[in-house]
Amino acid sequence: MSPTSRFKFRLYVAGDTQNSAQARANLAAICRDHLPGQHEIGIVDVLKEQKRALADGIFMTPTLVTLGPGPVQKIVGTLSQTETVLQTLGLGQEMVTA
């Protein structure tokens, strides 16, 4: 993956629940620590945008959708397993330690 690749994320949350807040914080930390200046994050509150969530195939929250680079992927949960999230995003050990 190119060091100039820009990651685009959409995080689906349910209001200000504890799990939603934790997922927001964990995603922000991952991006700050491993993708500084290389990411965009959009937040969708499914309590306010139910039709959009259903149209996007979101049935559980929190759910992170990676829109790029690469194929669209979904990660369900609070994103607290940082290593698993990084592996799913294709960020190998060489990028994690860089």
PDB file of N, CA and C in Angstrom:
ATOM      1  N   MET A   1       0.832  -1.175   0.000  1.00  0.00           N
ATOM      2  CA  MET A   1       0.000   0.000   0.000  1.00  0.00           C
ATOM      3  C   MET A   1       0.876   1.238   0.000  1.00  0.00           C
ATOM      4  N   SER A   2       0.563   2.206  -0.818  1.00  0.00           N
ATOM      5  CA  SER A   2       1.340   3.423  -0.949  1.00  0.00           C
ATOM      6  C   SER A   2       1.263   4.265   0.315  1.00  0.00           C
ATOM      7  N   PRO A   3       2.378   4.893   0.723  1.00  0.00           N
ATOM      8  CA  PRO A   3       2.346   5.736   1.906  1.00  0.00           C
ATOM      9  C   PRO A   3       1.465   6.961   1.733  1.00  0.00           C
ATOM     10  N   THR A   4       1.078   7.272   0.475  1.00  0.00           N
ATOM     11  CA  THR A   4       0.212   8.420   0.247  1.00  0.00           C
ATOM     12  C   THR A   4      -1.259   8.023   0.133  1.00  0.00           C
ATOM     13  N   SER A   5      -1.576   6.755   0.338  1.00  0.00           N
ATOM     14  CA  SER A   5      -2.968   6.317   0.287  1.00  0.00           C
ATOM     15  C   SER A   5      -3.768   7.038   1.353  1.00  0.00           C
ATOM     16  N   ARG A   6      -4.950   7.473   0.995  1.00  0.00           N
ATOM     17  CA  ARG A   6      -5.822   8.173   1.932  1.00  0.00           C
ATOM     18  C   ARG A   6      -6.950   7.223   2.304  1.00  0.00           C
ATOM     19  N   PHE A   7      -7.085   6.973   3.595  1.00  0.00           N
ATOM     20  CA  PHE A   7      -8.124   6.083   4.084  1.00  0.00           C
ATOM     21  C   PHE A   7      -9.410   6.872   4.302  1.00  0.00           C
ATOM     22  N   LYS A   8     -10.504   6.297   3.823  1.00  0.00           N
ATOM     23  CA  LYS A   8     -11.823   6.915   4.007  1.00  0.00           C
ATOM     24  C   LYS A   8     -12.671   5.964   4.836  1.00  0.00           C
ATOM     25  N   PHE A   9     -13.151   6.468   5.963  1.00  0.00           N
ATOM     26  CA  PHE A   9     -13.940   5.673   6.886  1.00  0.00           C
ATOM     27  C   PHE A   9     -15.313   6.281   7.083  1.00  0.00           C
ATOM     28  N   ARG A  10     -16.284   5.411   7.326  1.00  0.00           N
ATOM     29  CA  ARG A  10     -17.613   5.845   7.765  1.00  0.00           C
ATOM     30  C   ARG A  10     -17.938   4.996   8.991  1.00  0.00           C
ATOM     31  N   LEU A  11     -18.176   5.674  10.108  1.00  0.00           N
ATOM     32  CA  LEU A  11     -18.485   4.998  11.361  1.00  0.00           C
ATOM     33  C   LEU A  11     -19.959   5.192  11.672  1.00  0.00           C
ATOM     34  N   TYR A  12     -20.664   4.086  11.773  1.00  0.00           N
ATOM     35  CA  TYR A  12     -22.090   4.111  12.126  1.00  0.00           C
ATOM     36  C   TYR A  12     -22.212   3.899  13.625  1.00  0.00           C
ATOM     37  N   VAL A  13     -22.894   4.826  14.291  1.00  0.00           N
ATOM     38  CA  VAL A  13     -23.059   4.771  15.738  1.00  0.00           C
ATOM     39  C   VAL A  13     -24.535   4.940  16.081  1.00  0.00           C
ATOM     40  N   ALA A  14     -24.865   4.636  17.334  1.00  0.00           N
ATOM     41  CA  ALA A  14     -26.237   4.823  17.828  1.00  0.00           C
ATOM     42  C   ALA A  14     -26.209   5.881  18.925  1.00  0.00           C
ATOM     43  N   GLY A  15     -26.297   7.124  18.523  1.00  0.00           N
ATOM     44  CA  GLY A  15     -26.318   8.217  19.485  1.00  0.00           C
ATOM     45  C   GLY A  15     -25.027   8.308  20.281  1.00  0.00           C
ATOM     46  N   ASP A  16     -25.190   8.605  21.563  1.00  0.00           N
ATOM     47  CA  ASP A  16     -24.045   8.785  22.448  1.00  0.00           C
ATOM     48  C   ASP A  16     -23.881   7.627  23.418  1.00  0.00           C
ATOM     49  N   THR A  17     -24.227   6.428  22.986  1.00  0.00           N
ATOM     50  CA  THR A  17     -24.085   5.270  23.857  1.00  0.00           C
ATOM     51  C   THR A  17     -22.611   5.040  24.181  1.00  0.00           C
ATOM     52  N   GLN A  18     -22.361   4.276  25.219  1.00  0.00           N
ATOM     53  CA  GLN A  18     -20.981   4.000  25.629  1.00  0.00           C
ATOM     54  C   GLN A  18     -20.188   3.330  24.515  1.00  0.00           C
ATOM     55  N   ASN A  19     -20.771   2.338  23.853  1.00  0.00           N
ATOM     56  CA  ASN A  19     -20.068   1.646  22.765  1.00  0.00           C
ATOM     57  C   ASN A  19     -19.773   2.589  21.598  1.00  0.00           C
ATOM     58  N   SER A  20     -20.716   3.469  21.289  1.00  0.00           N
ATOM     59  CA  SER A  20     -20.505   4.427  20.205  1.00  0.00           C
ATOM     60  C   SER A  20     -19.377   5.390  20.546  1.00  0.00           C
ATOM     61  N   ALA A  21     -19.365   5.899  21.765  1.00  0.00           N
ATOM     62  CA  ALA A  21     -18.306   6.816  22.197  1.00  0.00           C
ATOM     63  C   ALA A  21     -16.950   6.117  22.186  1.00  0.00           C
ATOM     64  N   GLN A  22     -16.924   4.867  22.616  1.00  0.00           N
ATOM     65  CA  GLN A  22     -15.669   4.116  22.635  1.00  0.00           C
ATOM     66  C   GLN A  22     -15.162   3.879  21.218  1.00  0.00           C
ATOM     67  N   ALA A  23     -16.062   3.542  20.297  1.00  0.00           N
ATOM     68  CA  ALA A  23     -15.655   3.324  18.905  1.00  0.00           C
ATOM     69  C   ALA A  23     -15.109   4.611  18.292  1.00  0.00           C
ATOM     70  N   ARG A  24     -15.764   5.737  18.552  1.00  0.00           N
ATOM     71  CA  ARG A  24     -15.266   7.028  18.050  1.00  0.00           C
ATOM     72  C   ARG A  24     -13.853   7.298  18.571  1.00  0.00           C
ATOM     73  N   ALA A  25     -13.669   7.126  19.879  1.00  0.00           N
ATOM     74  CA  ALA A  25     -12.368   7.394  20.496  1.00  0.00           C
ATOM     75  C   ALA A  25     -11.299   6.445  19.972  1.00  0.00           C
ATOM     76  N   ASN A  26     -11.642   5.170  19.836  1.00  0.00           N
ATOM     77  CA  ASN A  26     -10.662   4.193  19.338  1.00  0.00           C
ATOM     78  C   ASN A  26     -10.277   4.465  17.893  1.00  0.00           C
ATOM     79  N   LEU A  27     -11.249   4.809  17.060  1.00  0.00           N
ATOM     80  CA  LEU A  27     -10.943   5.129  15.668  1.00  0.00           C
ATOM     81  C   LEU A  27     -10.080   6.377  15.587  1.00  0.00           C
ATOM     82  N   ALA A  28     -10.402   7.387  16.376  1.00  0.00           N
ATOM     83  CA  ALA A  28      -9.590   8.610  16.380  1.00  0.00           C
ATOM     84  C   ALA A  28      -8.155   8.310  16.798  1.00  0.00           C
ATOM     85  N   ALA A  29      -7.975   7.458  17.805  1.00  0.00           N
ATOM     86  CA  ALA A  29      -6.630   7.102  18.268  1.00  0.00           C
ATOM     87  C   ALA A  29      -5.867   6.317  17.205  1.00  0.00           C
ATOM     88  N   ILE A  30      -6.529   5.373  16.566  1.00  0.00           N
ATOM     89  CA  ILE A  30      -5.891   4.587  15.499  1.00  0.00           C
ATOM     90  C   ILE A  30      -5.435   5.510  14.368  1.00  0.00           C
ATOM     91  N   CYS A  31      -6.304   6.408  13.960  1.00  0.00           N
ATOM     92  CA  CYS A  31      -5.957   7.327  12.868  1.00  0.00           C
ATOM     93  C   CYS A  31      -4.836   8.273  13.284  1.00  0.00           C
ATOM     94  N   ARG A  32      -4.905   8.785  14.503  1.00  0.00           N
ATOM     95  CA  ARG A  32      -3.873   9.704  14.994  1.00  0.00           C
ATOM     96  C   ARG A  32      -2.511   9.007  15.060  1.00  0.00           C
ATOM     97  N   ASP A  33      -2.506   7.775  15.568  1.00  0.00           N
ATOM     98  CA  ASP A  33      -1.250   7.066  15.790  1.00  0.00           C
ATOM     99  C   ASP A  33      -0.685   6.384  14.546  1.00  0.00           C
ATOM    100  N   HIS A  34      -1.548   5.938  13.637  1.00  0.00           N
ATOM    101  CA  HIS A  34      -1.092   5.115  12.513  1.00  0.00           C
ATOM    102  C   HIS A  34      -1.373   5.707  11.131  1.00  0.00           C
ATOM    103  N   LEU A  35      -2.260   6.692  11.060  1.00  0.00           N
ATOM    104  CA  LEU A  35      -2.603   7.283   9.761  1.00  0.00           C
ATOM    105  C   LEU A  35      -2.656   8.810   9.837  1.00  0.00           C
ATOM    106  N   PRO A  36      -1.674   9.461  10.456  1.00  0.00           N
ATOM    107  CA  PRO A  36      -1.751  10.919  10.599  1.00  0.00           C
ATOM    108  C   PRO A  36      -1.788  11.612   9.237  1.00  0.00           C
ATOM    109  N   GLY A  37      -2.793  12.433   9.039  1.00  0.00           N
ATOM    110  CA  GLY A  37      -2.921  13.169   7.791  1.00  0.00           C
ATOM    111  C   GLY A  37      -3.320  12.331   6.596  1.00  0.00           C
ATOM    112  N   GLN A  38      -3.665  11.068   6.817  1.00  0.00           N
ATOM    113  CA  GLN A  38      -3.985  10.165   5.700  1.00  0.00           C
ATOM    114  C   GLN A  38      -5.382   9.582   5.835  1.00  0.00           C
ATOM    115  N   HIS A  39      -6.297  10.294   6.471  1.00  0.00           N
ATOM    116  CA  HIS A  39      -7.613   9.699   6.692  1.00  0.00           C
ATOM    117  C   HIS A  39      -8.720  10.754   6.690  1.00  0.00           C
ATOM    118  N   GLU A  40      -9.904  10.261   6.374  1.00  0.00           N
ATOM    119  CA  GLU A  40     -11.141  11.036   6.478  1.00  0.00           C
ATOM    120  C   GLU A  40     -12.130  10.167   7.234  1.00  0.00           C
ATOM    121  N   ILE A  41     -12.836  10.762   8.184  1.00  0.00           N
ATOM    122  CA  ILE A  41     -13.815  10.012   8.971  1.00  0.00           C
ATOM    123  C   ILE A  41     -15.167  10.701   8.850  1.00  0.00           C
ATOM    124  N   GLY A  42     -16.170   9.927   8.453  1.00  0.00           N
ATOM    125  CA  GLY A  42     -17.555  10.398   8.470  1.00  0.00           C
ATOM    126  C   GLY A  42     -18.312   9.618   9.527  1.00  0.00           C
ATOM    127  N   ILE A  43     -19.180  10.294  10.250  1.00  0.00           N
ATOM    128  CA  ILE A  43     -19.973   9.653  11.301  1.00  0.00           C
ATOM    129  C   ILE A  43     -21.440   9.675  10.887  1.00  0.00           C
ATOM    130  N   VAL A  44     -22.099   8.527  11.000  1.00  0.00           N
ATOM    131  CA  VAL A  44     -23.533   8.436  10.727  1.00  0.00           C
ATOM    132  C   VAL A  44     -24.211   7.937  11.996  1.00  0.00           C
ATOM    133  N   ASP A  45     -25.108   8.736  12.537  1.00  0.00           N
ATOM    134  CA  ASP A  45     -25.893   8.334  13.712  1.00  0.00           C
ATOM    135  C   ASP A  45     -27.149   7.634  13.208  1.00  0.00           C
ATOM    136  N   VAL A  46     -27.226   6.336  13.424  1.00  0.00           N
ATOM    137  CA  VAL A  46     -28.344   5.558  12.885  1.00  0.00           C
ATOM    138  C   VAL A  46     -29.672   5.924  13.555  1.00  0.00           C
ATOM    139  N   LEU A  47     -29.624   6.549  14.716  1.00  0.00           N
ATOM    140  CA  LEU A  47     -30.866   6.987  15.357  1.00  0.00           C
ATOM    141  C   LEU A  47     -31.475   8.169  14.613  1.00  0.00           C
ATOM    142  N   LYS A  48     -30.648   8.923  13.923  1.00  0.00           N
ATOM    143  CA  LYS A  48     -31.105  10.079  13.155  1.00  0.00           C
ATOM    144  C   LYS A  48     -31.267   9.763  11.671  1.00  0.00           C
ATOM    145  N   GLU A  49     -30.558   8.747  11.197  1.00  0.00           N
ATOM    146  CA  GLU A  49     -30.569   8.409   9.776  1.00  0.00           C
ATOM    147  C   GLU A  49     -30.826   6.917   9.576  1.00  0.00           C
ATOM    148  N   GLN A  50     -31.980   6.440  10.079  1.00  0.00           N
ATOM    149  CA  GLN A  50     -32.292   5.011  10.006  1.00  0.00           C
ATOM    150  C   GLN A  50     -32.350   4.497   8.572  1.00  0.00           C
ATOM    151  N   LYS A  51     -32.967   5.248   7.679  1.00  0.00           N
ATOM    152  CA  LYS A  51     -33.108   4.783   6.300  1.00  0.00           C
ATOM    153  C   LYS A  51     -31.754   4.655   5.610  1.00  0.00           C
ATOM    154  N   ARG A  52     -30.872   5.589   5.889  1.00  0.00           N
ATOM    155  CA  ARG A  52     -29.538   5.508   5.284  1.00  0.00           C
ATOM    156  C   ARG A  52     -28.801   4.277   5.794  1.00  0.00           C
ATOM    157  N   ALA A  53     -28.883   4.029   7.089  1.00  0.00           N
ATOM    158  CA  ALA A  53     -28.205   2.865   7.671  1.00  0.00           C
ATOM    159  C   ALA A  53     -28.740   1.572   7.053  1.00  0.00           C
ATOM    160  N   LEU A  54     -30.035   1.452   6.936  1.00  0.00           N
ATOM    161  CA  LEU A  54     -30.616   0.254   6.335  1.00  0.00           C
ATOM    162  C   LEU A  54     -30.212   0.120   4.875  1.00  0.00           C
ATOM    163  N   ALA A  55     -30.240   1.235   4.144  1.00  0.00           N
ATOM    164  CA  ALA A  55     -29.843   1.202   2.726  1.00  0.00           C
ATOM    165  C   ALA A  55     -28.372   0.801   2.582  1.00  0.00           C
ATOM    166  N   ASP A  56     -27.554   1.162   3.564  1.00  0.00           N
ATOM    167  CA  ASP A  56     -26.130   0.829   3.528  1.00  0.00           C
ATOM    168  C   ASP A  56     -25.847  -0.556   4.108  1.00  0.00           C
ATOM    169  N   GLY A  57     -26.890  -1.261   4.544  1.00  0.00           N
ATOM    170  CA  GLY A  57     -26.726  -2.614   5.060  1.00  0.00           C
ATOM    171  C   GLY A  57     -26.159  -2.677   6.465  1.00  0.00           C
ATOM    172  N   ILE A  58     -26.430  -1.655   7.268  1.00  0.00           N
ATOM    173  CA  ILE A  58     -25.938  -1.598   8.642  1.00  0.00           C
ATOM    174  C   ILE A  58     -27.054  -2.043   9.572  1.00  0.00           C
ATOM    175  N   PHE A  59     -26.814  -3.127  10.296  1.00  0.00           N
ATOM    176  CA  PHE A  59     -27.830  -3.671  11.192  1.00  0.00           C
ATOM    177  C   PHE A  59     -27.374  -3.708  12.639  1.00  0.00           C
ATOM    178  N   MET A  60     -26.090  -3.425  12.876  1.00  0.00           N
ATOM    179  CA  MET A  60     -25.549  -3.385  14.234  1.00  0.00           C
ATOM    180  C   MET A  60     -24.630  -2.177  14.349  1.00  0.00           C
ATOM    181  N   THR A  61     -24.549  -1.633  15.559  1.00  0.00           N
ATOM    182  CA  THR A  61     -23.629  -0.535  15.800  1.00  0.00           C
ATOM    183  C   THR A  61     -22.815  -0.831  17.050  1.00  0.00           C
ATOM    184  N   PRO A  62     -21.650  -0.251  17.122  1.00  0.00           N
ATOM    185  CA  PRO A  62     -20.987   0.531  16.080  1.00  0.00           C
ATOM    186  C   PRO A  62     -20.436  -0.366  14.964  1.00  0.00           C
ATOM    187  N   THR A  63     -20.445   0.182  13.757  1.00  0.00           N
ATOM    188  CA  THR A  63     -19.870  -0.491  12.597  1.00  0.00           C
ATOM    189  C   THR A  63     -19.001   0.499  11.851  1.00  0.00           C
ATOM    190  N   LEU A  64     -17.769   0.093  11.580  1.00  0.00           N
ATOM    191  CA  LEU A  64     -16.858   0.899  10.776  1.00  0.00           C
ATOM    192  C   LEU A  64     -16.853   0.335   9.361  1.00  0.00           C
ATOM    193  N   VAL A  65     -17.046   1.209   8.388  1.00  0.00           N
ATOM    194  CA  VAL A  65     -16.962   0.819   6.982  1.00  0.00           C
ATOM    195  C   VAL A  65     -15.750   1.527   6.389  1.00  0.00           C
ATOM    196  N   THR A  66     -14.854   0.748   5.801  1.00  0.00           N
ATOM    197  CA  THR A  66     -13.707   1.334   5.116  1.00  0.00           C
ATOM    198  C   THR A  66     -14.092   1.492   3.654  1.00  0.00           C
ATOM    199  N   LEU A  67     -14.054   2.713   3.175  1.00  0.00           N
ATOM    200  CA  LEU A  67     -14.466   3.020   1.812  1.00  0.00           C
ATOM    201  C   LEU A  67     -13.276   3.076   0.855  1.00  0.00           C
ATOM    202  N   GLY A  68     -12.084   3.069   1.381  1.00  0.00           N
ATOM    203  CA  GLY A  68     -10.903   3.091   0.543  1.00  0.00           C
ATOM    204  C   GLY A  68      -9.687   3.344   1.390  1.00  0.00           C
ATOM    205  N   PRO A  69      -8.524   3.004   0.911  1.00  0.00           N
ATOM    206  CA  PRO A  69      -8.297   2.331  -0.373  1.00  0.00           C
ATOM    207  C   PRO A  69      -8.668   0.860  -0.300  1.00  0.00           C
ATOM    208  N   GLY A  70      -8.738   0.250  -1.441  1.00  0.00           N
ATOM    209  CA  GLY A  70      -9.056  -1.173  -1.483  1.00  0.00           C
ATOM    210  C   GLY A  70     -10.542  -1.435  -1.410  1.00  0.00           C
ATOM    211  N   PRO A  71     -10.882  -2.694  -1.207  1.00  0.00           N
ATOM    212  CA  PRO A  71     -12.296  -3.073  -1.183  1.00  0.00           C
ATOM    213  C   PRO A  71     -12.994  -2.545   0.064  1.00  0.00           C
ATOM    214  N   VAL A  72     -14.302  -2.361  -0.043  1.00  0.00           N
ATOM    215  CA  VAL A  72     -15.110  -1.946   1.102  1.00  0.00           C
ATOM    216  C   VAL A  72     -15.116  -3.081   2.117  1.00  0.00           C
ATOM    217  N   GLN A  73     -14.870  -2.721   3.376  1.00  0.00           N
ATOM    218  CA  GLN A  73     -14.871  -3.703   4.451  1.00  0.00           C
ATOM    219  C   GLN A  73     -15.695  -3.155   5.610  1.00  0.00           C
ATOM    220  N   LYS A  74     -16.227  -4.065   6.418  1.00  0.00           N
ATOM    221  CA  LYS A  74     -16.973  -3.672   7.609  1.00  0.00           C
ATOM    222  C   LYS A  74     -16.343  -4.320   8.834  1.00  0.00           C
ATOM    223  N   ILE A  75     -16.210  -3.518   9.883  1.00  0.00           N
ATOM    224  CA  ILE A  75     -15.720  -4.013  11.167  1.00  0.00           C
ATOM    225  C   ILE A  75     -16.772  -3.626  12.197  1.00  0.00           C
ATOM    226  N   VAL A  76     -17.320  -4.613  12.868  1.00  0.00           N
ATOM    227  CA  VAL A  76     -18.356  -4.370  13.873  1.00  0.00           C
ATOM    228  C   VAL A  76     -17.726  -4.400  15.256  1.00  0.00           C
ATOM    229  N   GLY A  77     -18.071  -3.423  16.074  1.00  0.00           N
ATOM    230  CA  GLY A  77     -17.587  -3.395  17.452  1.00  0.00           C
ATOM    231  C   GLY A  77     -16.968  -2.061  17.805  1.00  0.00           C
ATOM    232  N   THR A  78     -16.369  -2.010  18.989  1.00  0.00           N
ATOM    233  CA  THR A  78     -15.824  -0.761  19.510  1.00  0.00           C
ATOM    234  C   THR A  78     -14.422  -0.450  19.011  1.00  0.00           C
ATOM    235  N   LEU A  79     -13.845  -1.322  18.207  1.00  0.00           N
ATOM    236  CA  LEU A  79     -12.514  -1.139  17.624  1.00  0.00           C
ATOM    237  C   LEU A  79     -11.419  -1.149  18.691  1.00  0.00           C
ATOM    238  N   SER A  80     -11.685  -1.831  19.790  1.00  0.00           N
ATOM    239  CA  SER A  80     -10.729  -1.860  20.894  1.00  0.00           C
ATOM    240  C   SER A  80      -9.569  -2.827  20.649  1.00  0.00           C
ATOM    241  N   GLN A  81      -9.711  -3.746  19.722  1.00  0.00           N
ATOM    242  CA  GLN A  81      -8.631  -4.676  19.367  1.00  0.00           C
ATOM    243  C   GLN A  81      -7.806  -4.037  18.250  1.00  0.00           C
ATOM    244  N   THR A  82      -6.927  -3.126  18.637  1.00  0.00           N
ATOM    245  CA  THR A  82      -6.193  -2.314  17.668  1.00  0.00           C
ATOM    246  C   THR A  82      -5.441  -3.147  16.641  1.00  0.00           C
ATOM    247  N   GLU A  83      -4.738  -4.171  17.075  1.00  0.00           N
ATOM    248  CA  GLU A  83      -3.961  -4.992  16.135  1.00  0.00           C
ATOM    249  C   GLU A  83      -4.861  -5.641  15.092  1.00  0.00           C
ATOM    250  N   THR A  84      -6.014  -6.125  15.513  1.00  0.00           N
ATOM    251  CA  THR A  84      -6.961  -6.749  14.582  1.00  0.00           C
ATOM    252  C   THR A  84      -7.479  -5.716  13.584  1.00  0.00           C
ATOM    253  N   VAL A  85      -7.792  -4.532  14.053  1.00  0.00           N
ATOM    254  CA  VAL A  85      -8.267  -3.468  13.162  1.00  0.00           C
ATOM    255  C   VAL A  85      -7.177  -3.118  12.155  1.00  0.00           C
ATOM    256  N   LEU A  86      -5.956  -2.959  12.616  1.00  0.00           N
ATOM    257  CA  LEU A  86      -4.853  -2.621  11.711  1.00  0.00           C
ATOM    258  C   LEU A  86      -4.635  -3.708  10.664  1.00  0.00           C
ATOM    259  N   GLN A  87      -4.716  -4.962  11.061  1.00  0.00           N
ATOM    260  CA  GLN A  87      -4.565  -6.061  10.105  1.00  0.00           C
ATOM    261  C   GLN A  87      -5.692  -6.037   9.083  1.00  0.00           C
ATOM    262  N   THR A  88      -6.904  -5.791   9.540  1.00  0.00           N
ATOM    263  CA  THR A  88      -8.053  -5.729   8.634  1.00  0.00           C
ATOM    264  C   THR A  88      -7.896  -4.599   7.620  1.00  0.00           C
ATOM    265  N   LEU A  89      -7.286  -3.510   8.065  1.00  0.00           N
ATOM    266  CA  LEU A  89      -7.074  -2.362   7.178  1.00  0.00           C
ATOM    267  C   LEU A  89      -5.891  -2.567   6.239  1.00  0.00           C
ATOM    268  N   GLY A  90      -5.162  -3.671   6.431  1.00  0.00           N
ATOM    269  CA  GLY A  90      -4.009  -3.945   5.583  1.00  0.00           C
ATOM    270  C   GLY A  90      -2.765  -3.189   5.982  1.00  0.00           C
ATOM    271  N   LEU A  91      -2.737  -2.739   7.224  1.00  0.00           N
ATOM    272  CA  LEU A  91      -1.567  -2.035   7.726  1.00  0.00           C
ATOM    273  C   LEU A  91      -0.664  -3.024   8.425  1.00  0.00           C
ATOM    274  N   GLY A  92       0.285  -3.542   7.665  1.00  0.00           N
ATOM    275  CA  GLY A  92       1.201  -4.540   8.213  1.00  0.00           C
ATOM    276  C   GLY A  92       2.113  -3.954   9.264  1.00  0.00           C
ATOM    277  N   GLN A  93       2.910  -4.790   9.870  1.00  0.00           N
ATOM    278  CA  GLN A  93       3.806  -4.370  10.966  1.00  0.00           C
ATOM    279  C   GLN A  93       4.745  -3.251  10.518  1.00  0.00           C
ATOM    280  N   GLU A  94       5.139  -3.251   9.231  1.00  0.00           N
ATOM    281  CA  GLU A  94       6.054  -2.215   8.771  1.00  0.00           C
ATOM    282  C   GLU A  94       5.434  -0.829   8.872  1.00  0.00           C
ATOM    283  N   MET A  95       4.111  -0.705   8.664  1.00  0.00           N
ATOM    284  CA  MET A  95       3.461   0.592   8.784  1.00  0.00           C
ATOM    285  C   MET A  95       3.139   0.916  10.224  1.00  0.00           C
ATOM    286  N   VAL A  96       2.874  -0.100  11.024  1.00  0.00           N
ATOM    287  CA  VAL A  96       2.510   0.108  12.430  1.00  0.00           C
ATOM    288  C   VAL A  96       3.682   0.728  13.170  1.00  0.00           C
ATOM    289  N   THR A  97       4.900   0.303  12.867  1.00  0.00           N
ATOM    290  CA  THR A  97       6.056   0.797  13.587  1.00  0.00           C
ATOM    291  C   THR A  97       6.666   2.025  12.930  1.00  0.00           C
ATOM    292  N   ALA A  98       6.193   2.390  11.767  1.00  0.00           N
ATOM    293  CA  ALA A  98       6.765   3.544  11.055  1.00  0.00           C
ATOM    294  C   ALA A  98       6.358   4.846  11.696  1.00  0.00           C
TER     295      ALA A  98
END
